[in-house]
Amino acid sequence: MRMVLALVLLTSLLSVPAIPSRRPACSRRALGDLPCQGIPQENLRQIQAGLRDHFWAGQGCEEICYCHQGELLCCPKDIFFGPKISFIIPCNDQ
């Protein structure tokens, strides 16, 4: 009886469609031969002078990008720095 119950439960769990994660994800963008100093900066702003190759992305200060070896990695700031550090990073929304 337990085996039948376990099979029914397992079958019902496998038939339920997976719910996508609501956690925002990171994205990568290949820059090719472009150096980090040469990337177009219309949507990127330098975080601060001490953090070389780190940029705020978009309109606000919720997404941070890091340029390294021909690619741009962009993540929400809580994922990138972690919740304990991300609140002390100064926001440059100019």
PDB file of N, CA and C in Angstrom:
ATOM      1  N   MET A   1       0.826  -1.199   0.000  1.00  0.00           N
ATOM      2  CA  MET A   1       0.000   0.000   0.000  1.00  0.00           C
ATOM      3  C   MET A   1       0.868   1.261   0.000  1.00  0.00           C
ATOM      4  N   ARG A   2       1.939   1.264   0.789  1.00  0.00           N
ATOM      5  CA  ARG A   2       2.819   2.428   0.822  1.00  0.00           C
ATOM      6  C   ARG A   2       3.481   2.659  -0.530  1.00  0.00           C
ATOM      7  N   MET A   3       3.827   1.576  -1.206  1.00  0.00           N
ATOM      8  CA  MET A   3       4.475   1.694  -2.505  1.00  0.00           C
ATOM      9  C   MET A   3       3.531   2.332  -3.519  1.00  0.00           C
ATOM     10  N   VAL A   4       2.267   1.955  -3.481  1.00  0.00           N
ATOM     11  CA  VAL A   4       1.279   2.531  -4.399  1.00  0.00           C
ATOM     12  C   VAL A   4       1.088   4.013  -4.089  1.00  0.00           C
ATOM     13  N   LEU A   5       0.995   4.351  -2.832  1.00  0.00           N
ATOM     14  CA  LEU A   5       0.839   5.750  -2.429  1.00  0.00           C
ATOM     15  C   LEU A   5       2.058   6.581  -2.852  1.00  0.00           C
ATOM     16  N   ALA A   6       3.244   6.020  -2.673  1.00  0.00           N
ATOM     17  CA  ALA A   6       4.457   6.729  -3.083  1.00  0.00           C
ATOM     18  C   ALA A   6       4.491   6.928  -4.598  1.00  0.00           C
ATOM     19  N   LEU A   7       4.096   5.958  -5.366  1.00  0.00           N
ATOM     20  CA  LEU A   7       4.063   6.082  -6.822  1.00  0.00           C
ATOM     21  C   LEU A   7       3.042   7.118  -7.280  1.00  0.00           C
ATOM     22  N   VAL A   8       1.883   7.143  -6.641  1.00  0.00           N
ATOM     23  CA  VAL A   8       0.860   8.131  -6.987  1.00  0.00           C
ATOM     24  C   VAL A   8       1.364   9.541  -6.677  1.00  0.00           C
ATOM     25  N   LEU A   9       1.987   9.714  -5.521  1.00  0.00           N
ATOM     26  CA  LEU A   9       2.527  11.012  -5.136  1.00  0.00           C
ATOM     27  C   LEU A   9       3.638  11.454  -6.089  1.00  0.00           C
ATOM     28  N   LEU A  10       4.532  10.553  -6.421  1.00  0.00           N
ATOM     29  CA  LEU A  10       5.625  10.872  -7.334  1.00  0.00           C
ATOM     30  C   LEU A  10       5.095  11.221  -8.719  1.00  0.00           C
ATOM     31  N   THR A  11       4.121  10.478  -9.196  1.00  0.00           N
ATOM     32  CA  THR A  11       3.534  10.759 -10.508  1.00  0.00           C
ATOM     33  C   THR A  11       2.850  12.114 -10.514  1.00  0.00           C
ATOM     34  N   SER A  12       2.163  12.454  -9.452  1.00  0.00           N
ATOM     35  CA  SER A  12       1.477  13.754  -9.412  1.00  0.00           C
ATOM     36  C   SER A  12       2.482  14.903  -9.346  1.00  0.00           C
ATOM     37  N   LEU A  13       3.590  14.707  -8.646  1.00  0.00           N
ATOM     38  CA  LEU A  13       4.610  15.752  -8.588  1.00  0.00           C
ATOM     39  C   LEU A  13       5.297  15.950  -9.933  1.00  0.00           C
ATOM     40  N   LEU A  14       5.517  14.878 -10.657  1.00  0.00           N
ATOM     41  CA  LEU A  14       6.170  14.980 -11.962  1.00  0.00           C
ATOM     42  C   LEU A  14       5.263  15.561 -13.028  1.00  0.00           C
ATOM     43  N   SER A  15       3.957  15.451 -12.855  1.00  0.00           N
ATOM     44  CA  SER A  15       3.037  15.968 -13.863  1.00  0.00           C
ATOM     45  C   SER A  15       2.731  17.456 -13.689  1.00  0.00           C
ATOM     46  N   VAL A  16       3.082  18.023 -12.546  1.00  0.00           N
ATOM     47  CA  VAL A  16       2.864  19.451 -12.294  1.00  0.00           C
ATOM     48  C   VAL A  16       3.919  20.246 -13.045  1.00  0.00           C
ATOM     49  N   PRO A  17       3.506  21.246 -13.849  1.00  0.00           N
ATOM     50  CA  PRO A  17       4.506  22.045 -14.565  1.00  0.00           C
ATOM     51  C   PRO A  17       5.387  22.823 -13.601  1.00  0.00           C
ATOM     52  N   ALA A  18       6.627  22.945 -13.959  1.00  0.00           N
ATOM     53  CA  ALA A  18       7.580  23.661 -13.112  1.00  0.00           C
ATOM     54  C   ALA A  18       7.258  25.149 -13.093  1.00  0.00           C
ATOM     55  N   ILE A  19       7.394  25.746 -11.938  1.00  0.00           N
ATOM     56  CA  ILE A  19       7.161  27.181 -11.785  1.00  0.00           C
ATOM     57  C   ILE A  19       8.490  27.891 -11.981  1.00  0.00           C
ATOM     58  N   PRO A  20       8.546  28.845 -12.919  1.00  0.00           N
ATOM     59  CA  PRO A  20       9.820  29.541 -13.123  1.00  0.00           C
ATOM     60  C   PRO A  20      10.220  30.358 -11.904  1.00  0.00           C
ATOM     61  N   SER A  21      11.502  30.479 -11.707  1.00  0.00           N
ATOM     62  CA  SER A  21      12.019  31.235 -10.579  1.00  0.00           C
ATOM     63  C   SER A  21      11.744  32.722 -10.768  1.00  0.00           C
ATOM     64  N   ARG A  22      11.361  33.386  -9.715  1.00  0.00           N
ATOM     65  CA  ARG A  22      11.108  34.831  -9.793  1.00  0.00           C
ATOM     66  C   ARG A  22      12.352  35.632  -9.465  1.00  0.00           C
ATOM     67  N   ARG A  23      13.420  34.957  -9.142  1.00  0.00           N
ATOM     68  CA  ARG A  23      14.681  35.623  -8.828  1.00  0.00           C
ATOM     69  C   ARG A  23      15.311  36.132 -10.126  1.00  0.00           C
ATOM     70  N   PRO A  24      15.641  37.401 -10.172  1.00  0.00           N
ATOM     71  CA  PRO A  24      16.256  37.927 -11.390  1.00  0.00           C
ATOM     72  C   PRO A  24      17.612  37.274 -11.636  1.00  0.00           C
ATOM     73  N   ALA A  25      17.925  37.086 -12.897  1.00  0.00           N
ATOM     74  CA  ALA A  25      19.155  36.391 -13.256  1.00  0.00           C
ATOM     75  C   ALA A  25      20.196  37.355 -13.806  1.00  0.00           C
ATOM     76  N   CYS A  26      21.405  36.854 -13.894  1.00  0.00           N
ATOM     77  CA  CYS A  26      22.501  37.609 -14.485  1.00  0.00           C
ATOM     78  C   CYS A  26      22.515  37.367 -15.995  1.00  0.00           C
ATOM     79  N   SER A  27      23.154  38.279 -16.700  1.00  0.00           N
ATOM     80  CA  SER A  27      23.297  38.117 -18.138  1.00  0.00           C
ATOM     81  C   SER A  27      24.728  38.422 -18.537  1.00  0.00           C
ATOM     82  N   ARG A  28      25.176  37.803 -19.624  1.00  0.00           N
ATOM     83  CA  ARG A  28      26.522  38.033 -20.149  1.00  0.00           C
ATOM     84  C   ARG A  28      26.402  38.550 -21.572  1.00  0.00           C
ATOM     85  N   ARG A  29      27.296  39.461 -21.894  1.00  0.00           N
ATOM     86  CA  ARG A  29      27.322  40.014 -23.246  1.00  0.00           C
ATOM     87  C   ARG A  29      28.780  40.000 -23.716  1.00  0.00           C
ATOM     88  N   ALA A  30      29.026  39.347 -24.834  1.00  0.00           N
ATOM     89  CA  ALA A  30      30.380  39.293 -25.386  1.00  0.00           C
ATOM     90  C   ALA A  30      30.728  40.653 -25.986  1.00  0.00           C
ATOM     91  N   LEU A  31      31.941  41.110 -25.721  1.00  0.00           N
ATOM     92  CA  LEU A  31      32.403  42.393 -26.244  1.00  0.00           C
ATOM     93  C   LEU A  31      33.359  42.224 -27.410  1.00  0.00           C
ATOM     94  N   GLY A  32      33.766  41.008 -27.684  1.00  0.00           N
ATOM     95  CA  GLY A  32      34.706  40.756 -28.772  1.00  0.00           C
ATOM     96  C   GLY A  32      36.065  41.355 -28.458  1.00  0.00           C
ATOM     97  N   ASP A  33      36.599  42.129 -29.389  1.00  0.00           N
ATOM     98  CA  ASP A  33      37.921  42.739 -29.220  1.00  0.00           C
ATOM     99  C   ASP A  33      37.868  44.074 -28.491  1.00  0.00           C
ATOM    100  N   LEU A  34      36.695  44.512 -28.101  1.00  0.00           N
ATOM    101  CA  LEU A  34      36.541  45.808 -27.445  1.00  0.00           C
ATOM    102  C   LEU A  34      37.097  45.764 -26.027  1.00  0.00           C
ATOM    103  N   PRO A  35      37.992  46.695 -25.660  1.00  0.00           N
ATOM    104  CA  PRO A  35      38.482  46.717 -24.274  1.00  0.00           C
ATOM    105  C   PRO A  35      37.414  47.286 -23.346  1.00  0.00           C
ATOM    106  N   CYS A  36      37.565  47.040 -22.054  1.00  0.00           N
ATOM    107  CA  CYS A  36      36.587  47.526 -21.075  1.00  0.00           C
ATOM    108  C   CYS A  36      36.461  49.044 -21.100  1.00  0.00           C
ATOM    109  N   GLN A  37      37.545  49.750 -21.393  1.00  0.00           N
ATOM    110  CA  GLN A  37      37.485  51.208 -21.441  1.00  0.00           C
ATOM    111  C   GLN A  37      36.796  51.703 -22.709  1.00  0.00           C
ATOM    112  N   GLY A  38      36.616  50.845 -23.703  1.00  0.00           N
ATOM    113  CA  GLY A  38      36.033  51.269 -24.967  1.00  0.00           C
ATOM    114  C   GLY A  38      34.582  50.878 -25.172  1.00  0.00           C
ATOM    115  N   ILE A  39      33.933  50.298 -24.160  1.00  0.00           N
ATOM    116  CA  ILE A  39      32.535  49.901 -24.348  1.00  0.00           C
ATOM    117  C   ILE A  39      31.646  51.138 -24.387  1.00  0.00           C
ATOM    118  N   PRO A  40      30.598  51.110 -25.219  1.00  0.00           N
ATOM    119  CA  PRO A  40      29.685  52.260 -25.271  1.00  0.00           C
ATOM    120  C   PRO A  40      29.051  52.493 -23.916  1.00  0.00           C
ATOM    121  N   GLN A  41      29.073  53.713 -23.452  1.00  0.00           N
ATOM    122  CA  GLN A  41      28.625  53.996 -22.092  1.00  0.00           C
ATOM    123  C   GLN A  41      27.312  54.769 -22.042  1.00  0.00           C
ATOM    124  N   GLU A  42      26.450  54.592 -23.045  1.00  0.00           N
ATOM    125  CA  GLU A  42      25.179  55.316 -22.990  1.00  0.00           C
ATOM    126  C   GLU A  42      24.277  54.802 -21.873  1.00  0.00           C
ATOM    127  N   ASN A  43      24.349  53.515 -21.542  1.00  0.00           N
ATOM    128  CA  ASN A  43      23.535  52.967 -20.452  1.00  0.00           C
ATOM    129  C   ASN A  43      24.370  52.521 -19.261  1.00  0.00           C
ATOM    130  N   LEU A  44      25.676  52.801 -19.289  1.00  0.00           N
ATOM    131  CA  LEU A  44      26.560  52.391 -18.200  1.00  0.00           C
ATOM    132  C   LEU A  44      27.190  53.606 -17.551  1.00  0.00           C
ATOM    133  N   ARG A  45      27.283  53.570 -16.221  1.00  0.00           N
ATOM    134  CA  ARG A  45      27.926  54.647 -15.469  1.00  0.00           C
ATOM    135  C   ARG A  45      28.929  54.026 -14.510  1.00  0.00           C
ATOM    136  N   GLN A  46      30.100  54.611 -14.417  1.00  0.00           N
ATOM    137  CA  GLN A  46      31.138  54.127 -13.499  1.00  0.00           C
ATOM    138  C   GLN A  46      30.592  54.170 -12.069  1.00  0.00           C
ATOM    139  N   ILE A  47      30.794  53.109 -11.293  1.00  0.00           N
ATOM    140  CA  ILE A  47      30.310  53.090  -9.907  1.00  0.00           C
ATOM    141  C   ILE A  47      31.087  54.100  -9.079  1.00  0.00           C
ATOM    142  N   GLN A  48      32.391  53.947  -9.014  1.00  0.00           N
ATOM    143  CA  GLN A  48      33.259  54.909  -8.355  1.00  0.00           C
ATOM    144  C   GLN A  48      34.685  54.627  -8.830  1.00  0.00           C
ATOM    145  N   ALA A  49      35.564  55.570  -8.637  1.00  0.00           N
ATOM    146  CA  ALA A  49      36.928  55.454  -9.166  1.00  0.00           C
ATOM    147  C   ALA A  49      37.665  54.232  -8.633  1.00  0.00           C
ATOM    148  N   GLY A  50      37.405  53.833  -7.403  1.00  0.00           N
ATOM    149  CA  GLY A  50      38.096  52.695  -6.808  1.00  0.00           C
ATOM    150  C   GLY A  50      37.662  51.347  -7.354  1.00  0.00           C
ATOM    151  N   LEU A  51      36.510  51.284  -7.981  1.00  0.00           N
ATOM    152  CA  LEU A  51      36.000  50.031  -8.539  1.00  0.00           C
ATOM    153  C   LEU A  51      36.129  50.073 -10.060  1.00  0.00           C
ATOM    154  N   ARG A  52      37.318  49.786 -10.549  1.00  0.00           N
ATOM    155  CA  ARG A  52      37.564  49.821 -11.981  1.00  0.00           C
ATOM    156  C   ARG A  52      36.786  48.711 -12.686  1.00  0.00           C
ATOM    157  N   ASP A  53      36.234  49.008 -13.831  1.00  0.00           N
ATOM    158  CA  ASP A  53      35.487  48.070 -14.672  1.00  0.00           C
ATOM    159  C   ASP A  53      34.148  47.633 -14.075  1.00  0.00           C
ATOM    160  N   HIS A  54      33.632  48.338 -13.071  1.00  0.00           N
ATOM    161  CA  HIS A  54      32.308  48.092 -12.499  1.00  0.00           C
ATOM    162  C   HIS A  54      31.410  49.266 -12.884  1.00  0.00           C
ATOM    163  N   PHE A  55      30.204  48.962 -13.376  1.00  0.00           N
ATOM    164  CA  PHE A  55      29.306  49.994 -13.868  1.00  0.00           C
ATOM    165  C   PHE A  55      27.889  49.763 -13.372  1.00  0.00           C
ATOM    166  N   TRP A  56      27.163  50.863 -13.149  1.00  0.00           N
ATOM    167  CA  TRP A  56      25.717  50.792 -12.967  1.00  0.00           C
ATOM    168  C   TRP A  56      25.124  50.672 -14.359  1.00  0.00           C
ATOM    169  N   ALA A  57      24.098  49.872 -14.523  1.00  0.00           N
ATOM    170  CA  ALA A  57      23.454  49.696 -15.824  1.00  0.00           C
ATOM    171  C   ALA A  57      22.021  50.184 -15.777  1.00  0.00           C
ATOM    172  N   GLY A  58      21.529  50.694 -16.893  1.00  0.00           N
ATOM    173  CA  GLY A  58      20.142  51.124 -17.000  1.00  0.00           C
ATOM    174  C   GLY A  58      19.882  52.459 -16.337  1.00  0.00           C
ATOM    175  N   GLN A  59      18.612  52.709 -16.019  1.00  0.00           N
ATOM    176  CA  GLN A  59      18.193  53.996 -15.465  1.00  0.00           C
ATOM    177  C   GLN A  59      18.516  54.132 -13.983  1.00  0.00           C
ATOM    178  N   GLY A  60      18.271  53.114 -13.201  1.00  0.00           N
ATOM    179  CA  GLY A  60      18.479  53.206 -11.752  1.00  0.00           C
ATOM    180  C   GLY A  60      19.784  52.580 -11.324  1.00  0.00           C
ATOM    181  N   CYS A  61      19.829  52.177 -10.085  1.00  0.00           N
ATOM    182  CA  CYS A  61      21.041  51.571  -9.529  1.00  0.00           C
ATOM    183  C   CYS A  61      20.746  50.168  -9.021  1.00  0.00           C
ATOM    184  N   GLU A  62      19.961  49.419  -9.735  1.00  0.00           N
ATOM    185  CA  GLU A  62      19.604  48.081  -9.302  1.00  0.00           C
ATOM    186  C   GLU A  62      20.444  47.011  -9.987  1.00  0.00           C
ATOM    187  N   GLU A  63      21.054  47.342 -11.120  1.00  0.00           N
ATOM    188  CA  GLU A  63      21.842  46.359 -11.859  1.00  0.00           C
ATOM    189  C   GLU A  63      23.286  46.836 -11.988  1.00  0.00           C
ATOM    190  N   ILE A  64      24.211  45.925 -11.748  1.00  0.00           N
ATOM    191  CA  ILE A  64      25.638  46.230 -11.818  1.00  0.00           C
ATOM    192  C   ILE A  64      26.268  45.350 -12.881  1.00  0.00           C
ATOM    193  N   CYS A  65      27.180  45.945 -13.657  1.00  0.00           N
ATOM    194  CA  CYS A  65      27.907  45.196 -14.682  1.00  0.00           C
ATOM    195  C   CYS A  65      29.390  45.214 -14.365  1.00  0.00           C
ATOM    196  N   TYR A  66      30.031  44.124 -14.705  1.00  0.00           N
ATOM    197  CA  TYR A  66      31.477  43.999 -14.531  1.00  0.00           C
ATOM    198  C   TYR A  66      32.080  43.580 -15.861  1.00  0.00           C
ATOM    199  N   CYS A  67      33.059  44.313 -16.308  1.00  0.00           N
ATOM    200  CA  CYS A  67      33.723  44.025 -17.569  1.00  0.00           C
ATOM    201  C   CYS A  67      35.010  43.257 -17.283  1.00  0.00           C
ATOM    202  N   HIS A  68      35.165  42.101 -17.960  1.00  0.00           N
ATOM    203  CA  HIS A  68      36.353  41.285 -17.727  1.00  0.00           C
ATOM    204  C   HIS A  68      36.607  40.395 -18.938  1.00  0.00           C
ATOM    205  N   GLN A  69      37.786  40.470 -19.488  1.00  0.00           N
ATOM    206  CA  GLN A  69      38.259  39.605 -20.568  1.00  0.00           C
ATOM    207  C   GLN A  69      37.258  39.438 -21.699  1.00  0.00           C
ATOM    208  N   GLY A  70      36.835  40.549 -22.263  1.00  0.00           N
ATOM    209  CA  GLY A  70      35.996  40.515 -23.455  1.00  0.00           C
ATOM    210  C   GLY A  70      34.533  40.225 -23.243  1.00  0.00           C
ATOM    211  N   GLU A  71      34.052  40.303 -22.015  1.00  0.00           N
ATOM    212  CA  GLU A  71      32.614  40.132 -21.781  1.00  0.00           C
ATOM    213  C   GLU A  71      32.143  41.045 -20.666  1.00  0.00           C
ATOM    214  N   LEU A  72      30.864  41.341 -20.715  1.00  0.00           N
ATOM    215  CA  LEU A  72      30.229  42.202 -19.727  1.00  0.00           C
ATOM    216  C   LEU A  72      29.218  41.347 -18.974  1.00  0.00           C
ATOM    217  N   LEU A  73      29.430  41.179 -17.680  1.00  0.00           N
ATOM    218  CA  LEU A  73      28.535  40.405 -16.825  1.00  0.00           C
ATOM    219  C   LEU A  73      27.667  41.386 -16.057  1.00  0.00           C
ATOM    220  N   CYS A  74      26.355  41.297 -16.214  1.00  0.00           N
ATOM    221  CA  CYS A  74      25.416  42.197 -15.533  1.00  0.00           C
ATOM    222  C   CYS A  74      24.488  41.386 -14.631  1.00  0.00           C
ATOM    223  N   CYS A  75      24.353  41.834 -13.380  1.00  0.00           N
ATOM    224  CA  CYS A  75      23.527  41.150 -12.384  1.00  0.00           C
ATOM    225  C   CYS A  75      22.809  42.186 -11.524  1.00  0.00           C
ATOM    226  N   PRO A  76      21.682  41.821 -10.932  1.00  0.00           N
ATOM    227  CA  PRO A  76      21.096  42.685  -9.917  1.00  0.00           C
ATOM    228  C   PRO A  76      22.098  42.854  -8.778  1.00  0.00           C
ATOM    229  N   LYS A  77      22.144  44.033  -8.181  1.00  0.00           N
ATOM    230  CA  LYS A  77      23.196  44.321  -7.196  1.00  0.00           C
ATOM    231  C   LYS A  77      23.153  43.393  -5.990  1.00  0.00           C
ATOM    232  N   ASP A  78      21.979  42.911  -5.596  1.00  0.00           N
ATOM    233  CA  ASP A  78      21.903  41.994  -4.457  1.00  0.00           C
ATOM    234  C   ASP A  78      22.553  40.649  -4.759  1.00  0.00           C
ATOM    235  N   ILE A  79      22.484  40.224  -6.005  1.00  0.00           N
ATOM    236  CA  ILE A  79      23.128  38.973  -6.401  1.00  0.00           C
ATOM    237  C   ILE A  79      24.625  39.197  -6.558  1.00  0.00           C
ATOM    238  N   PHE A  80      24.991  40.299  -7.187  1.00  0.00           N
ATOM    239  CA  PHE A  80      26.392  40.571  -7.502  1.00  0.00           C
ATOM    240  C   PHE A  80      27.231  40.750  -6.247  1.00  0.00           C
ATOM    241  N   PHE A  81      26.792  41.607  -5.345  1.00  0.00           N
ATOM    242  CA  PHE A  81      27.556  41.903  -4.140  1.00  0.00           C
ATOM    243  C   PHE A  81      27.049  41.169  -2.905  1.00  0.00           C
ATOM    244  N   GLY A  82      25.820  40.715  -2.933  1.00  0.00           N
ATOM    245  CA  GLY A  82      25.220  40.101  -1.757  1.00  0.00           C
ATOM    246  C   GLY A  82      24.463  41.154  -0.963  1.00  0.00           C
ATOM    247  N   PRO A  83      23.428  40.755  -0.232  1.00  0.00           N
ATOM    248  CA  PRO A  83      22.580  41.724   0.470  1.00  0.00           C
ATOM    249  C   PRO A  83      23.296  42.506   1.562  1.00  0.00           C
ATOM    250  N   LYS A  84      24.358  41.959   2.151  1.00  0.00           N
ATOM    251  CA  LYS A  84      25.043  42.668   3.234  1.00  0.00           C
ATOM    252  C   LYS A  84      25.924  43.801   2.716  1.00  0.00           C
ATOM    253  N   ILE A  85      26.407  43.684   1.498  1.00  0.00           N
ATOM    254  CA  ILE A  85      27.310  44.694   0.942  1.00  0.00           C
ATOM    255  C   ILE A  85      26.594  45.651   0.000  1.00  0.00           C
ATOM    256  N   SER A  86      25.602  45.173  -0.719  1.00  0.00           N
ATOM    257  CA  SER A  86      24.991  45.976  -1.787  1.00  0.00           C
ATOM    258  C   SER A  86      24.352  47.270  -1.292  1.00  0.00           C
ATOM    259  N   PHE A  87      23.922  47.335  -0.038  1.00  0.00           N
ATOM    260  CA  PHE A  87      23.275  48.556   0.437  1.00  0.00           C
ATOM    261  C   PHE A  87      24.273  49.674   0.738  1.00  0.00           C
ATOM    262  N   ILE A  88      25.573  49.371   0.839  1.00  0.00           N
ATOM    263  CA  ILE A  88      26.543  50.424   1.128  1.00  0.00           C
ATOM    264  C   ILE A  88      27.253  50.937  -0.119  1.00  0.00           C
ATOM    265  N   ILE A  89      26.996  50.353  -1.286  1.00  0.00           N
ATOM    266  CA  ILE A  89      27.609  50.811  -2.530  1.00  0.00           C
ATOM    267  C   ILE A  89      26.894  52.098  -2.947  1.00  0.00           C
ATOM    268  N   PRO A  90      27.606  53.188  -3.144  1.00  0.00           N
ATOM    269  CA  PRO A  90      26.936  54.447  -3.485  1.00  0.00           C
ATOM    270  C   PRO A  90      26.279  54.395  -4.859  1.00  0.00           C
ATOM    271  N   CYS A  91      25.098  54.973  -4.932  1.00  0.00           N
ATOM    272  CA  CYS A  91      24.328  54.979  -6.179  1.00  0.00           C
ATOM    273  C   CYS A  91      24.695  56.203  -7.006  1.00  0.00           C
ATOM    274  N   ASN A  92      25.093  55.976  -8.252  1.00  0.00           N
ATOM    275  CA  ASN A  92      25.415  57.063  -9.170  1.00  0.00           C
ATOM    276  C   ASN A  92      24.373  57.041 -10.265  1.00  0.00           C
ATOM    277  N   ASP A  93      23.260  57.732 -10.077  1.00  0.00           N
ATOM    278  CA  ASP A  93      22.173  57.693 -11.053  1.00  0.00           C
ATOM    279  C   ASP A  93      22.170  58.886 -11.983  1.00  0.00           C
ATOM    280  N   GLN A  94      23.293  59.536 -12.157  1.00  0.00           N
ATOM    281  CA  GLN A  94      23.379  60.701 -13.057  1.00  0.00           C
ATOM    282  C   GLN A  94      23.634  60.262 -14.460  1.00  0.00           C
TER     283      GLN A  94
END
